Amino acid sequence: MSANFIKLDSVEKLENLIRDSHTNPVVLFKHSTTCPISSSVYQEISQFNGDVNLVVVQSARDISSAIAEKTGVRHESPQAIILKNGAAVYHASHFDVTADEVTKTLADETD
């Protein structure tokens, strides 16, 4: 099992994901390529079995800012956010991000 990382590289794609979250929950992961904590959490979220929309904060600050603006979830990195019906139903940062918690939250949201 491993995550299917999908690079999120435009605000337009983010808006599509927010729209898609009305049908299926969407996982977002903000990652910093220069932070050792983020590298460790990236390895953890890699254990999640599903799609993870990856925002590399160094190259996508506009997207990261748009996520914070559209969800009301303050920016942190690393950070995982699950969207459902256009809203954040889960968010965690740093070592609170676990593949098991993302999996559990998605299972709860699809019941």
PDB file of N, CA and C in Angstrom:
ATOM      1  N   MET A   1       0.839  -1.185   0.000  1.00  0.00           N
ATOM      2  CA  MET A   1       0.000   0.000   0.000  1.00  0.00           C
ATOM      3  C   MET A   1       0.878   1.240   0.000  1.00  0.00           C
ATOM      4  N   SER A   2       0.483   2.198  -0.813  1.00  0.00           N
ATOM      5  CA  SER A   2       1.150   3.484  -0.759  1.00  0.00           C
ATOM      6  C   SER A   2       0.253   4.535  -1.387  1.00  0.00           C
ATOM      7  N   ALA A   3       0.511   5.766  -0.981  1.00  0.00           N
ATOM      8  CA  ALA A   3      -0.299   6.873  -1.472  1.00  0.00           C
ATOM      9  C   ALA A   3      -0.043   7.126  -2.947  1.00  0.00           C
ATOM     10  N   ASN A   4      -1.075   7.578  -3.625  1.00  0.00           N
ATOM     11  CA  ASN A   4      -0.964   8.043  -4.999  1.00  0.00           C
ATOM     12  C   ASN A   4      -0.910   9.573  -4.932  1.00  0.00           C
ATOM     13  N   PHE A   5       0.312  10.119  -4.941  1.00  0.00           N
ATOM     14  CA  PHE A   5       0.467  11.562  -4.852  1.00  0.00           C
ATOM     15  C   PHE A   5       0.157  12.209  -6.197  1.00  0.00           C
ATOM     16  N   ILE A   6      -0.701  13.231  -6.140  1.00  0.00           N
ATOM     17  CA  ILE A   6      -1.101  13.994  -7.318  1.00  0.00           C
ATOM     18  C   ILE A   6      -0.720  15.443  -7.039  1.00  0.00           C
ATOM     19  N   LYS A   7       0.222  15.967  -7.819  1.00  0.00           N
ATOM     20  CA  LYS A   7       0.690  17.326  -7.574  1.00  0.00           C
ATOM     21  C   LYS A   7      -0.414  18.327  -7.874  1.00  0.00           C
ATOM     22  N   LEU A   8      -0.702  19.153  -6.895  1.00  0.00           N
ATOM     23  CA  LEU A   8      -1.703  20.208  -7.043  1.00  0.00           C
ATOM     24  C   LEU A   8      -0.943  21.484  -7.400  1.00  0.00           C
ATOM     25  N   ASP A   9      -1.079  21.930  -8.654  1.00  0.00           N
ATOM     26  CA  ASP A   9      -0.226  23.008  -9.136  1.00  0.00           C
ATOM     27  C   ASP A   9      -0.979  24.206  -9.701  1.00  0.00           C
ATOM     28  N   SER A  10      -2.275  24.297  -9.389  1.00  0.00           N
ATOM     29  CA  SER A  10      -3.004  25.499  -9.811  1.00  0.00           C
ATOM     30  C   SER A  10      -4.228  25.694  -8.912  1.00  0.00           C
ATOM     31  N   VAL A  11      -4.607  26.950  -8.766  1.00  0.00           N
ATOM     32  CA  VAL A  11      -5.801  27.273  -7.991  1.00  0.00           C
ATOM     33  C   VAL A  11      -7.038  26.709  -8.683  1.00  0.00           C
ATOM     34  N   GLU A  12      -7.017  26.664 -10.009  1.00  0.00           N
ATOM     35  CA  GLU A  12      -8.133  26.082 -10.759  1.00  0.00           C
ATOM     36  C   GLU A  12      -8.332  24.606 -10.378  1.00  0.00           C
ATOM     37  N   LYS A  13      -7.232  23.858 -10.270  1.00  0.00           N
ATOM     38  CA  LYS A  13      -7.338  22.448  -9.858  1.00  0.00           C
ATOM     39  C   LYS A  13      -7.859  22.346  -8.428  1.00  0.00           C
ATOM     40  N   LEU A  14      -7.441  23.259  -7.559  1.00  0.00           N
ATOM     41  CA  LEU A  14      -7.969  23.278  -6.194  1.00  0.00           C
ATOM     42  C   LEU A  14      -9.478  23.489  -6.212  1.00  0.00           C
ATOM     43  N   GLU A  15      -9.939  24.436  -7.000  1.00  0.00           N
ATOM     44  CA  GLU A  15     -11.380  24.699  -7.094  1.00  0.00           C
ATOM     45  C   GLU A  15     -12.134  23.474  -7.606  1.00  0.00           C
ATOM     46  N   ASN A  16     -11.537  22.747  -8.546  1.00  0.00           N
ATOM     47  CA  ASN A  16     -12.148  21.503  -9.035  1.00  0.00           C
ATOM     48  C   ASN A  16     -12.225  20.471  -7.917  1.00  0.00           C
ATOM     49  N   LEU A  17     -11.169  20.370  -7.104  1.00  0.00           N
ATOM     50  CA  LEU A  17     -11.172  19.418  -5.986  1.00  0.00           C
ATOM     51  C   LEU A  17     -12.229  19.776  -4.958  1.00  0.00           C
ATOM     52  N   ILE A  18     -12.371  21.062  -4.683  1.00  0.00           N
ATOM     53  CA  ILE A  18     -13.405  21.494  -3.736  1.00  0.00           C
ATOM     54  C   ILE A  18     -14.776  21.091  -4.269  1.00  0.00           C
ATOM     55  N   ARG A  19     -14.993  21.283  -5.559  1.00  0.00           N
ATOM     56  CA  ARG A  19     -16.261  20.868  -6.186  1.00  0.00           C
ATOM     57  C   ARG A  19     -16.415  19.337  -6.111  1.00  0.00           C
ATOM     58  N   ASP A  20     -15.320  18.615  -6.402  1.00  0.00           N
ATOM     59  CA  ASP A  20     -15.356  17.151  -6.355  1.00  0.00           C
ATOM     60  C   ASP A  20     -15.659  16.624  -4.952  1.00  0.00           C
ATOM     61  N   SER A  21     -15.288  17.404  -3.922  1.00  0.00           N
ATOM     62  CA  SER A  21     -15.490  16.951  -2.543  1.00  0.00           C
ATOM     63  C   SER A  21     -16.965  16.832  -2.183  1.00  0.00           C
ATOM     64  N   HIS A  22     -17.842  17.361  -3.029  1.00  0.00           N
ATOM     65  CA  HIS A  22     -19.278  17.200  -2.799  1.00  0.00           C
ATOM     66  C   HIS A  22     -19.728  15.780  -3.164  1.00  0.00           C
ATOM     67  N   THR A  23     -18.900  15.064  -3.921  1.00  0.00           N
ATOM     68  CA  THR A  23     -19.186  13.684  -4.302  1.00  0.00           C
ATOM     69  C   THR A  23     -18.368  12.697  -3.486  1.00  0.00           C
ATOM     70  N   ASN A  24     -17.077  12.978  -3.343  1.00  0.00           N
ATOM     71  CA  ASN A  24     -16.153  12.121  -2.589  1.00  0.00           C
ATOM     72  C   ASN A  24     -15.198  12.993  -1.789  1.00  0.00           C
ATOM     73  N   PRO A  25     -14.862  12.567  -0.561  1.00  0.00           N
ATOM     74  CA  PRO A  25     -13.887  13.334   0.213  1.00  0.00           C
ATOM     75  C   PRO A  25     -12.555  13.443  -0.532  1.00  0.00           C
ATOM     76  N   VAL A  26     -11.857  14.543  -0.305  1.00  0.00           N
ATOM     77  CA  VAL A  26     -10.595  14.848  -0.965  1.00  0.00           C
ATOM     78  C   VAL A  26      -9.517  15.059   0.097  1.00  0.00           C
ATOM     79  N   VAL A  27      -8.348  14.438  -0.114  1.00  0.00           N
ATOM     80  CA  VAL A  27      -7.218  14.590   0.811  1.00  0.00           C
ATOM     81  C   VAL A  27      -6.203  15.560   0.200  1.00  0.00           C
ATOM     82  N   LEU A  28      -5.845  16.583   0.987  1.00  0.00           N
ATOM     83  CA  LEU A  28      -4.804  17.530   0.615  1.00  0.00           C
ATOM     84  C   LEU A  28      -3.638  17.354   1.583  1.00  0.00           C
ATOM     85  N   PHE A  29      -2.421  17.480   1.077  1.00  0.00           N
ATOM     86  CA  PHE A  29      -1.243  17.422   1.944  1.00  0.00           C
ATOM     87  C   PHE A  29      -0.280  18.529   1.551  1.00  0.00           C
ATOM     88  N   LYS A  30      -0.027  19.444   2.496  1.00  0.00           N
ATOM     89  CA  LYS A  30       0.948  20.507   2.279  1.00  0.00           C
ATOM     90  C   LYS A  30       2.305  20.013   2.770  1.00  0.00           C
ATOM     91  N   HIS A  31       3.303  20.143   1.915  1.00  0.00           N
ATOM     92  CA  HIS A  31       4.635  19.597   2.190  1.00  0.00           C
ATOM     93  C   HIS A  31       5.708  20.629   1.905  1.00  0.00           C
ATOM     94  N   SER A  32       6.666  20.720   2.812  1.00  0.00           N
ATOM     95  CA  SER A  32       7.833  21.577   2.605  1.00  0.00           C
ATOM     96  C   SER A  32       9.034  20.698   2.293  1.00  0.00           C
ATOM     97  N   THR A  33       9.683  20.964   1.180  1.00  0.00           N
ATOM     98  CA  THR A  33      10.830  20.155   0.762  1.00  0.00           C
ATOM     99  C   THR A  33      12.094  20.484   1.553  1.00  0.00           C
ATOM    100  N   THR A  34      12.051  21.518   2.371  1.00  0.00           N
ATOM    101  CA  THR A  34      13.238  21.904   3.131  1.00  0.00           C
ATOM    102  C   THR A  34      13.125  21.624   4.622  1.00  0.00           C
ATOM    103  N   CYS A  35      12.022  21.062   5.057  1.00  0.00           N
ATOM    104  CA  CYS A  35      11.773  20.840   6.486  1.00  0.00           C
ATOM    105  C   CYS A  35      11.915  19.360   6.831  1.00  0.00           C
ATOM    106  N   PRO A  36      12.783  19.021   7.782  1.00  0.00           N
ATOM    107  CA  PRO A  36      12.939  17.609   8.151  1.00  0.00           C
ATOM    108  C   PRO A  36      11.671  16.995   8.757  1.00  0.00           C
ATOM    109  N   ILE A  37      10.884  17.788   9.470  1.00  0.00           N
ATOM    110  CA  ILE A  37       9.621  17.275  10.017  1.00  0.00           C
ATOM    111  C   ILE A  37       8.686  16.921   8.867  1.00  0.00           C
ATOM    112  N   SER A  38       8.616  17.798   7.886  1.00  0.00           N
ATOM    113  CA  SER A  38       7.757  17.541   6.737  1.00  0.00           C
ATOM    114  C   SER A  38       8.196  16.288   5.985  1.00  0.00           C
ATOM    115  N   SER A  39       9.491  16.086   5.856  1.00  0.00           N
ATOM    116  CA  SER A  39       9.994  14.872   5.192  1.00  0.00           C
ATOM    117  C   SER A  39       9.546  13.618   5.935  1.00  0.00           C
ATOM    118  N   SER A  40       9.613  13.664   7.257  1.00  0.00           N
ATOM    119  CA  SER A  40       9.188  12.523   8.062  1.00  0.00           C
ATOM    120  C   SER A  40       7.684  12.273   7.924  1.00  0.00           C
ATOM    121  N   VAL A  41       6.901  13.342   7.960  1.00  0.00           N
ATOM    122  CA  VAL A  41       5.441  13.209   7.841  1.00  0.00           C
ATOM    123  C   VAL A  41       5.058  12.776   6.424  1.00  0.00           C
ATOM    124  N   TYR A  42       5.818  13.207   5.425  1.00  0.00           N
ATOM    125  CA  TYR A  42       5.599  12.757   4.048  1.00  0.00           C
ATOM    126  C   TYR A  42       5.723  11.229   3.981  1.00  0.00           C
ATOM    127  N   GLN A  43       6.737  10.691   4.652  1.00  0.00           N
ATOM    128  CA  GLN A  43       6.907   9.230   4.678  1.00  0.00           C
ATOM    129  C   GLN A  43       5.717   8.563   5.364  1.00  0.00           C
ATOM    130  N   GLU A  44       5.214   9.188   6.413  1.00  0.00           N
ATOM    131  CA  GLU A  44       4.047   8.653   7.128  1.00  0.00           C
ATOM    132  C   GLU A  44       2.815   8.656   6.218  1.00  0.00           C
ATOM    133  N   ILE A  45       2.527   9.783   5.578  1.00  0.00           N
ATOM    134  CA  ILE A  45       1.329   9.872   4.740  1.00  0.00           C
ATOM    135  C   ILE A  45       1.473   8.999   3.495  1.00  0.00           C
ATOM    136  N   SER A  46       2.696   8.664   3.135  1.00  0.00           N
ATOM    137  CA  SER A  46       2.932   7.742   2.010  1.00  0.00           C
ATOM    138  C   SER A  46       2.322   6.373   2.272  1.00  0.00           C
ATOM    139  N   GLN A  47       2.089   6.052   3.531  1.00  0.00           N
ATOM    140  CA  GLN A  47       1.501   4.765   3.905  1.00  0.00           C
ATOM    141  C   GLN A  47      -0.016   4.732   3.699  1.00  0.00           C
ATOM    142  N   PHE A  48      -0.619   5.889   3.442  1.00  0.00           N
ATOM    143  CA  PHE A  48      -2.055   5.961   3.181  1.00  0.00           C
ATOM    144  C   PHE A  48      -2.347   5.333   1.825  1.00  0.00           C
ATOM    145  N   ASN A  49      -3.367   4.521   1.757  1.00  0.00           N
ATOM    146  CA  ASN A  49      -3.731   3.834   0.529  1.00  0.00           C
ATOM    147  C   ASN A  49      -4.834   4.617  -0.195  1.00  0.00           C
ATOM    148  N   GLY A  50      -4.424   5.575  -1.005  1.00  0.00           N
ATOM    149  CA  GLY A  50      -5.397   6.366  -1.741  1.00  0.00           C
ATOM    150  C   GLY A  50      -4.754   7.592  -2.354  1.00  0.00           C
ATOM    151  N   ASP A  51      -5.595   8.443  -2.952  1.00  0.00           N
ATOM    152  CA  ASP A  51      -5.110   9.657  -3.589  1.00  0.00           C
ATOM    153  C   ASP A  51      -4.813  10.732  -2.546  1.00  0.00           C
ATOM    154  N   VAL A  52      -3.651  11.371  -2.707  1.00  0.00           N
ATOM    155  CA  VAL A  52      -3.255  12.494  -1.867  1.00  0.00           C
ATOM    156  C   VAL A  52      -2.857  13.635  -2.799  1.00  0.00           C
ATOM    157  N   ASN A  53      -3.569  14.738  -2.700  1.00  0.00           N
ATOM    158  CA  ASN A  53      -3.262  15.907  -3.516  1.00  0.00           C
ATOM    159  C   ASN A  53      -2.167  16.697  -2.815  1.00  0.00           C
ATOM    160  N   LEU A  54      -1.001  16.726  -3.442  1.00  0.00           N
ATOM    161  CA  LEU A  54       0.222  17.247  -2.838  1.00  0.00           C
ATOM    162  C   LEU A  54       0.450  18.704  -3.216  1.00  0.00           C
ATOM    163  N   VAL A  55       0.633  19.529  -2.202  1.00  0.00           N
ATOM    164  CA  VAL A  55       0.969  20.938  -2.395  1.00  0.00           C
ATOM    165  C   VAL A  55       2.377  21.141  -1.847  1.00  0.00           C
ATOM    166  N   VAL A  56       3.336  21.371  -2.733  1.00  0.00           N
ATOM    167  CA  VAL A  56       4.700  21.678  -2.308  1.00  0.00           C
ATOM    168  C   VAL A  56       4.735  23.183  -2.059  1.00  0.00           C
ATOM    169  N   VAL A  57       4.845  23.553  -0.779  1.00  0.00           N
ATOM    170  CA  VAL A  57       4.630  24.952  -0.421  1.00  0.00           C
ATOM    171  C   VAL A  57       5.656  25.903  -1.045  1.00  0.00           C
ATOM    172  N   GLN A  58       6.862  25.442  -1.286  1.00  0.00           N
ATOM    173  CA  GLN A  58       7.869  26.328  -1.883  1.00  0.00           C
ATOM    174  C   GLN A  58       7.486  26.773  -3.298  1.00  0.00           C
ATOM    175  N   SER A  59       6.826  25.916  -4.042  1.00  0.00           N
ATOM    176  CA  SER A  59       6.485  26.249  -5.427  1.00  0.00           C
ATOM    177  C   SER A  59       5.004  26.552  -5.618  1.00  0.00           C
ATOM    178  N   ALA A  60       4.220  26.498  -4.556  1.00  0.00           N
ATOM    179  CA  ALA A  60       2.771  26.696  -4.697  1.00  0.00           C
ATOM    180  C   ALA A  60       2.203  27.507  -3.535  1.00  0.00           C
ATOM    181  N   ARG A  61       2.867  28.597  -3.216  1.00  0.00           N
ATOM    182  CA  ARG A  61       2.391  29.437  -2.102  1.00  0.00           C
ATOM    183  C   ARG A  61       0.984  29.978  -2.370  1.00  0.00           C
ATOM    184  N   ASP A  62       0.692  30.295  -3.626  1.00  0.00           N
ATOM    185  CA  ASP A  62      -0.642  30.802  -3.957  1.00  0.00           C
ATOM    186  C   ASP A  62      -1.712  29.752  -3.680  1.00  0.00           C
ATOM    187  N   ILE A  63      -1.409  28.509  -3.969  1.00  0.00           N
ATOM    188  CA  ILE A  63      -2.366  27.420  -3.720  1.00  0.00           C
ATOM    189  C   ILE A  63      -2.523  27.207  -2.218  1.00  0.00           C
ATOM    190  N   SER A  64      -1.412  27.200  -1.512  1.00  0.00           N
ATOM    191  CA  SER A  64      -1.450  27.037  -0.058  1.00  0.00           C
ATOM    192  C   SER A  64      -2.285  28.142   0.584  1.00  0.00           C
ATOM    193  N   SER A  65      -2.081  29.365   0.137  1.00  0.00           N
ATOM    194  CA  SER A  65      -2.871  30.494   0.652  1.00  0.00           C
ATOM    195  C   SER A  65      -4.341  30.349   0.293  1.00  0.00           C
ATOM    196  N   ALA A  66      -4.625  29.886  -0.906  1.00  0.00           N
ATOM    197  CA  ALA A  66      -6.013  29.694  -1.337  1.00  0.00           C
ATOM    198  C   ALA A  66      -6.703  28.616  -0.502  1.00  0.00           C
ATOM    199  N   ILE A  67      -5.967  27.568  -0.150  1.00  0.00           N
ATOM    200  CA  ILE A  67      -6.539  26.516   0.707  1.00  0.00           C
ATOM    201  C   ILE A  67      -6.940  27.121   2.051  1.00  0.00           C
ATOM    202  N   ALA A  68      -6.048  27.899   2.643  1.00  0.00           N
ATOM    203  CA  ALA A  68      -6.348  28.522   3.938  1.00  0.00           C
ATOM    204  C   ALA A  68      -7.559  29.455   3.817  1.00  0.00           C
ATOM    205  N   GLU A  69      -7.588  30.227   2.753  1.00  0.00           N
ATOM    206  CA  GLU A  69      -8.692  31.171   2.553  1.00  0.00           C
ATOM    207  C   GLU A  69     -10.020  30.452   2.341  1.00  0.00           C
ATOM    208  N   LYS A  70     -10.031  29.410   1.516  1.00  0.00           N
ATOM    209  CA  LYS A  70     -11.276  28.720   1.161  1.00  0.00           C
ATOM    210  C   LYS A  70     -11.781  27.783   2.251  1.00  0.00           C
ATOM    211  N   THR A  71     -10.862  27.269   3.109  1.00  0.00           N
ATOM    212  CA  THR A  71     -11.276  26.317   4.144  1.00  0.00           C
ATOM    213  C   THR A  71     -11.358  26.926   5.536  1.00  0.00           C
ATOM    214  N   GLY A  72     -10.683  28.064   5.733  1.00  0.00           N
ATOM    215  CA  GLY A  72     -10.634  28.654   7.066  1.00  0.00           C
ATOM    216  C   GLY A  72      -9.632  27.961   7.974  1.00  0.00           C
ATOM    217  N   VAL A  73      -8.840  27.047   7.422  1.00  0.00           N
ATOM    218  CA  VAL A  73      -7.827  26.327   8.200  1.00  0.00           C
ATOM    219  C   VAL A  73      -6.501  27.061   8.032  1.00  0.00           C
ATOM    220  N   ARG A  74      -5.958  27.552   9.142  1.00  0.00           N
ATOM    221  CA  ARG A  74      -4.700  28.294   9.117  1.00  0.00           C
ATOM    222  C   ARG A  74      -3.593  27.445   8.520  1.00  0.00           C
ATOM    223  N   HIS A  75      -2.773  28.058   7.674  1.00  0.00           N
ATOM    224  CA  HIS A  75      -1.671  27.347   7.010  1.00  0.00           C
ATOM    225  C   HIS A  75      -0.647  26.839   8.014  1.00  0.00           C
ATOM    226  N   GLU A  76      -0.268  25.593   7.840  1.00  0.00           N
ATOM    227  CA  GLU A  76       0.867  24.998   8.522  1.00  0.00           C
ATOM    228  C   GLU A  76       1.505  24.041   7.532  1.00  0.00           C
ATOM    229  N   SER A  77       2.702  23.623   7.839  1.00  0.00           N
ATOM    230  CA  SER A  77       3.389  22.674   6.971  1.00  0.00           C
ATOM    231  C   SER A  77       4.354  21.858   7.828  1.00  0.00           C
ATOM    232  N   PRO A  78       4.245  20.558   7.737  1.00  0.00           N
ATOM    233  CA  PRO A  78       3.326  19.760   6.939  1.00  0.00           C
ATOM    234  C   PRO A  78       1.907  19.814   7.513  1.00  0.00           C
ATOM    235  N   GLN A  79       0.961  19.576   6.631  1.00  0.00           N
ATOM    236  CA  GLN A  79      -0.442  19.646   7.039  1.00  0.00           C
ATOM    237  C   GLN A  79      -1.294  18.773   6.134  1.00  0.00           C
ATOM    238  N   ALA A  80      -2.213  18.034   6.745  1.00  0.00           N
ATOM    239  CA  ALA A  80      -3.192  17.253   5.992  1.00  0.00           C
ATOM    240  C   ALA A  80      -4.572  17.841   6.245  1.00  0.00           C
ATOM    241  N   ILE A  81      -5.346  17.922   5.178  1.00  0.00           N
ATOM    242  CA  ILE A  81      -6.714  18.432   5.255  1.00  0.00           C
ATOM    243  C   ILE A  81      -7.593  17.503   4.431  1.00  0.00           C
ATOM    244  N   ILE A  82      -8.747  17.140   4.992  1.00  0.00           N
ATOM    245  CA  ILE A  82      -9.731  16.371   4.233  1.00  0.00           C
ATOM    246  C   ILE A  82     -10.939  17.268   4.009  1.00  0.00           C
ATOM    247  N   LEU A  83     -11.329  17.377   2.738  1.00  0.00           N
ATOM    248  CA  LEU A  83     -12.489  18.180   2.355  1.00  0.00           C
ATOM    249  C   LEU A  83     -13.676  17.279   2.052  1.00  0.00           C
ATOM    250  N   LYS A  84     -14.832  17.687   2.529  1.00  0.00           N
ATOM    251  CA  LYS A  84     -16.077  17.012   2.172  1.00  0.00           C
ATOM    252  C   LYS A  84     -17.141  18.092   2.039  1.00  0.00           C
ATOM    253  N   ASN A  85     -17.905  18.026   0.965  1.00  0.00           N
ATOM    254  CA  ASN A  85     -18.944  19.022   0.706  1.00  0.00           C
ATOM    255  C   ASN A  85     -18.382  20.439   0.733  1.00  0.00           C
ATOM    256  N   GLY A  86     -17.153  20.590   0.229  1.00  0.00           N
ATOM    257  CA  GLY A  86     -16.541  21.901   0.122  1.00  0.00           C
ATOM    258  C   GLY A  86     -15.926  22.457   1.390  1.00  0.00           C
ATOM    259  N   ALA A  87     -15.963  21.684   2.471  1.00  0.00           N
ATOM    260  CA  ALA A  87     -15.453  22.178   3.755  1.00  0.00           C
ATOM    261  C   ALA A  87     -14.436  21.207   4.347  1.00  0.00           C
ATOM    262  N   ALA A  88     -13.579  21.736   5.196  1.00  0.00           N
ATOM    263  CA  ALA A  88     -12.602  20.893   5.894  1.00  0.00           C
ATOM    264  C   ALA A  88     -13.308  20.130   7.015  1.00  0.00           C
ATOM    265  N   VAL A  89     -13.256  18.800   6.946  1.00  0.00           N
ATOM    266  CA  VAL A  89     -13.841  17.966   8.000  1.00  0.00           C
ATOM    267  C   VAL A  89     -12.748  17.370   8.883  1.00  0.00           C
ATOM    268  N   TYR A  90     -11.496  17.558   8.474  1.00  0.00           N
ATOM    269  CA  TYR A  90     -10.339  17.081   9.239  1.00  0.00           C
ATOM    270  C   TYR A  90      -9.145  17.927   8.848  1.00  0.00           C
ATOM    271  N   HIS A  91      -8.327  18.242   9.828  1.00  0.00           N
ATOM    272  CA  HIS A  91      -7.026  18.834   9.533  1.00  0.00           C
ATOM    273  C   HIS A  91      -6.094  18.552  10.700  1.00  0.00           C
ATOM    274  N   ALA A  92      -4.849  18.327  10.362  1.00  0.00           N
ATOM    275  CA  ALA A  92      -3.813  18.078  11.357  1.00  0.00           C
ATOM    276  C   ALA A  92      -2.494  18.550  10.780  1.00  0.00           C
ATOM    277  N   SER A  93      -1.563  18.831  11.664  1.00  0.00           N
ATOM    278  CA  SER A  93      -0.263  19.272  11.186  1.00  0.00           C
ATOM    279  C   SER A  93       0.849  18.581  11.957  1.00  0.00           C
ATOM    280  N   HIS A  94       2.011  18.667  11.403  1.00  0.00           N
ATOM    281  CA  HIS A  94       3.230  18.110  11.967  1.00  0.00           C
ATOM    282  C   HIS A  94       3.029  16.629  12.281  1.00  0.00           C
ATOM    283  N   PHE A  95       3.473  16.180  13.444  1.00  0.00           N
ATOM    284  CA  PHE A  95       3.423  14.751  13.734  1.00  0.00           C
ATOM    285  C   PHE A  95       2.028  14.235  14.106  1.00  0.00           C
ATOM    286  N   ASP A  96       1.041  15.140  14.129  1.00  0.00           N
ATOM    287  CA  ASP A  96      -0.349  14.690  14.334  1.00  0.00           C
ATOM    288  C   ASP A  96      -0.927  14.089  13.056  1.00  0.00           C
ATOM    289  N   VAL A  97      -0.255  14.281  11.928  1.00  0.00           N
ATOM    290  CA  VAL A  97      -0.706  13.705  10.652  1.00  0.00           C
ATOM    291  C   VAL A  97      -0.271  12.248  10.609  1.00  0.00           C
ATOM    292  N   THR A  98      -1.256  11.340  10.525  1.00  0.00           N
ATOM    293  CA  THR A  98      -0.941   9.916  10.378  1.00  0.00           C
ATOM    294  C   THR A  98      -1.805   9.308   9.285  1.00  0.00           C
ATOM    295  N   ALA A  99      -1.247   8.327   8.626  1.00  0.00           N
ATOM    296  CA  ALA A  99      -1.994   7.611   7.591  1.00  0.00           C
ATOM    297  C   ALA A  99      -3.226   6.947   8.197  1.00  0.00           C
ATOM    298  N   ASP A 100      -3.089   6.385   9.389  1.00  0.00           N
ATOM    299  CA  ASP A 100      -4.221   5.722  10.040  1.00  0.00           C
ATOM    300  C   ASP A 100      -5.361   6.702  10.332  1.00  0.00           C
ATOM    301  N   GLU A 101      -5.016   7.899  10.789  1.00  0.00           N
ATOM    302  CA  GLU A 101      -6.053   8.885  11.104  1.00  0.00           C
ATOM    303  C   GLU A 101      -6.758   9.365   9.836  1.00  0.00           C
ATOM    304  N   VAL A 102      -6.011   9.557   8.766  1.00  0.00           N
ATOM    305  CA  VAL A 102      -6.625   9.944   7.491  1.00  0.00           C
ATOM    306  C   VAL A 102      -7.560   8.833   7.013  1.00  0.00           C
ATOM    307  N   THR A 103      -7.097   7.598   7.086  1.00  0.00           N
ATOM    308  CA  THR A 103      -7.918   6.448   6.685  1.00  0.00           C
ATOM    309  C   THR A 103      -9.191   6.371   7.518  1.00  0.00           C
ATOM    310  N   LYS A 104      -9.058   6.510   8.826  1.00  0.00           N
ATOM    311  CA  LYS A 104     -10.210   6.443   9.740  1.00  0.00           C
ATOM    312  C   LYS A 104     -11.198   7.575   9.439  1.00  0.00           C
ATOM    313  N   THR A 105     -10.697   8.777   9.246  1.00  0.00           N
ATOM    314  CA  THR A 105     -11.571   9.922   8.970  1.00  0.00           C
ATOM    315  C   THR A 105     -12.331   9.706   7.666  1.00  0.00           C
ATOM    316  N   LEU A 106     -11.639   9.231   6.629  1.00  0.00           N
ATOM    317  CA  LEU A 106     -12.315   8.976   5.353  1.00  0.00           C
ATOM    318  C   LEU A 106     -13.387   7.904   5.501  1.00  0.00           C
ATOM    319  N   ALA A 107     -13.103   6.867   6.271  1.00  0.00           N
ATOM    320  CA  ALA A 107     -14.103   5.814   6.494  1.00  0.00           C
ATOM    321  C   ALA A 107     -15.317   6.381   7.203  1.00  0.00           C
ATOM    322  N   ASP A 108     -15.095   7.248   8.193  1.00  0.00           N
ATOM    323  CA  ASP A 108     -16.210   7.873   8.929  1.00  0.00           C
ATOM    324  C   ASP A 108     -17.024   8.782   8.019  1.00  0.00           C
ATOM    325  N   GLU A 109     -16.351   9.473   7.095  1.00  0.00           N
ATOM    326  CA  GLU A 109     -17.026  10.441   6.211  1.00  0.00           C
ATOM    327  C   GLU A 109     -17.792   9.764   5.072  1.00  0.00           C
ATOM    328  N   THR A 110     -17.459   8.521   4.772  1.00  0.00           N
ATOM    329  CA  THR A 110     -18.158   7.838   3.677  1.00  0.00           C
ATOM    330  C   THR A 110     -19.235   6.878   4.174  1.00  0.00           C
ATOM    331  N   ASP A 111     -19.386   6.796   5.497  1.00  0.00           N
ATOM    332  CA  ASP A 111     -20.454   5.946   6.068  1.00  0.00           C
ATOM    333  C   ASP A 111     -21.804   6.585   5.922  1.00  0.00           C
TER     334      ASP A 111
END
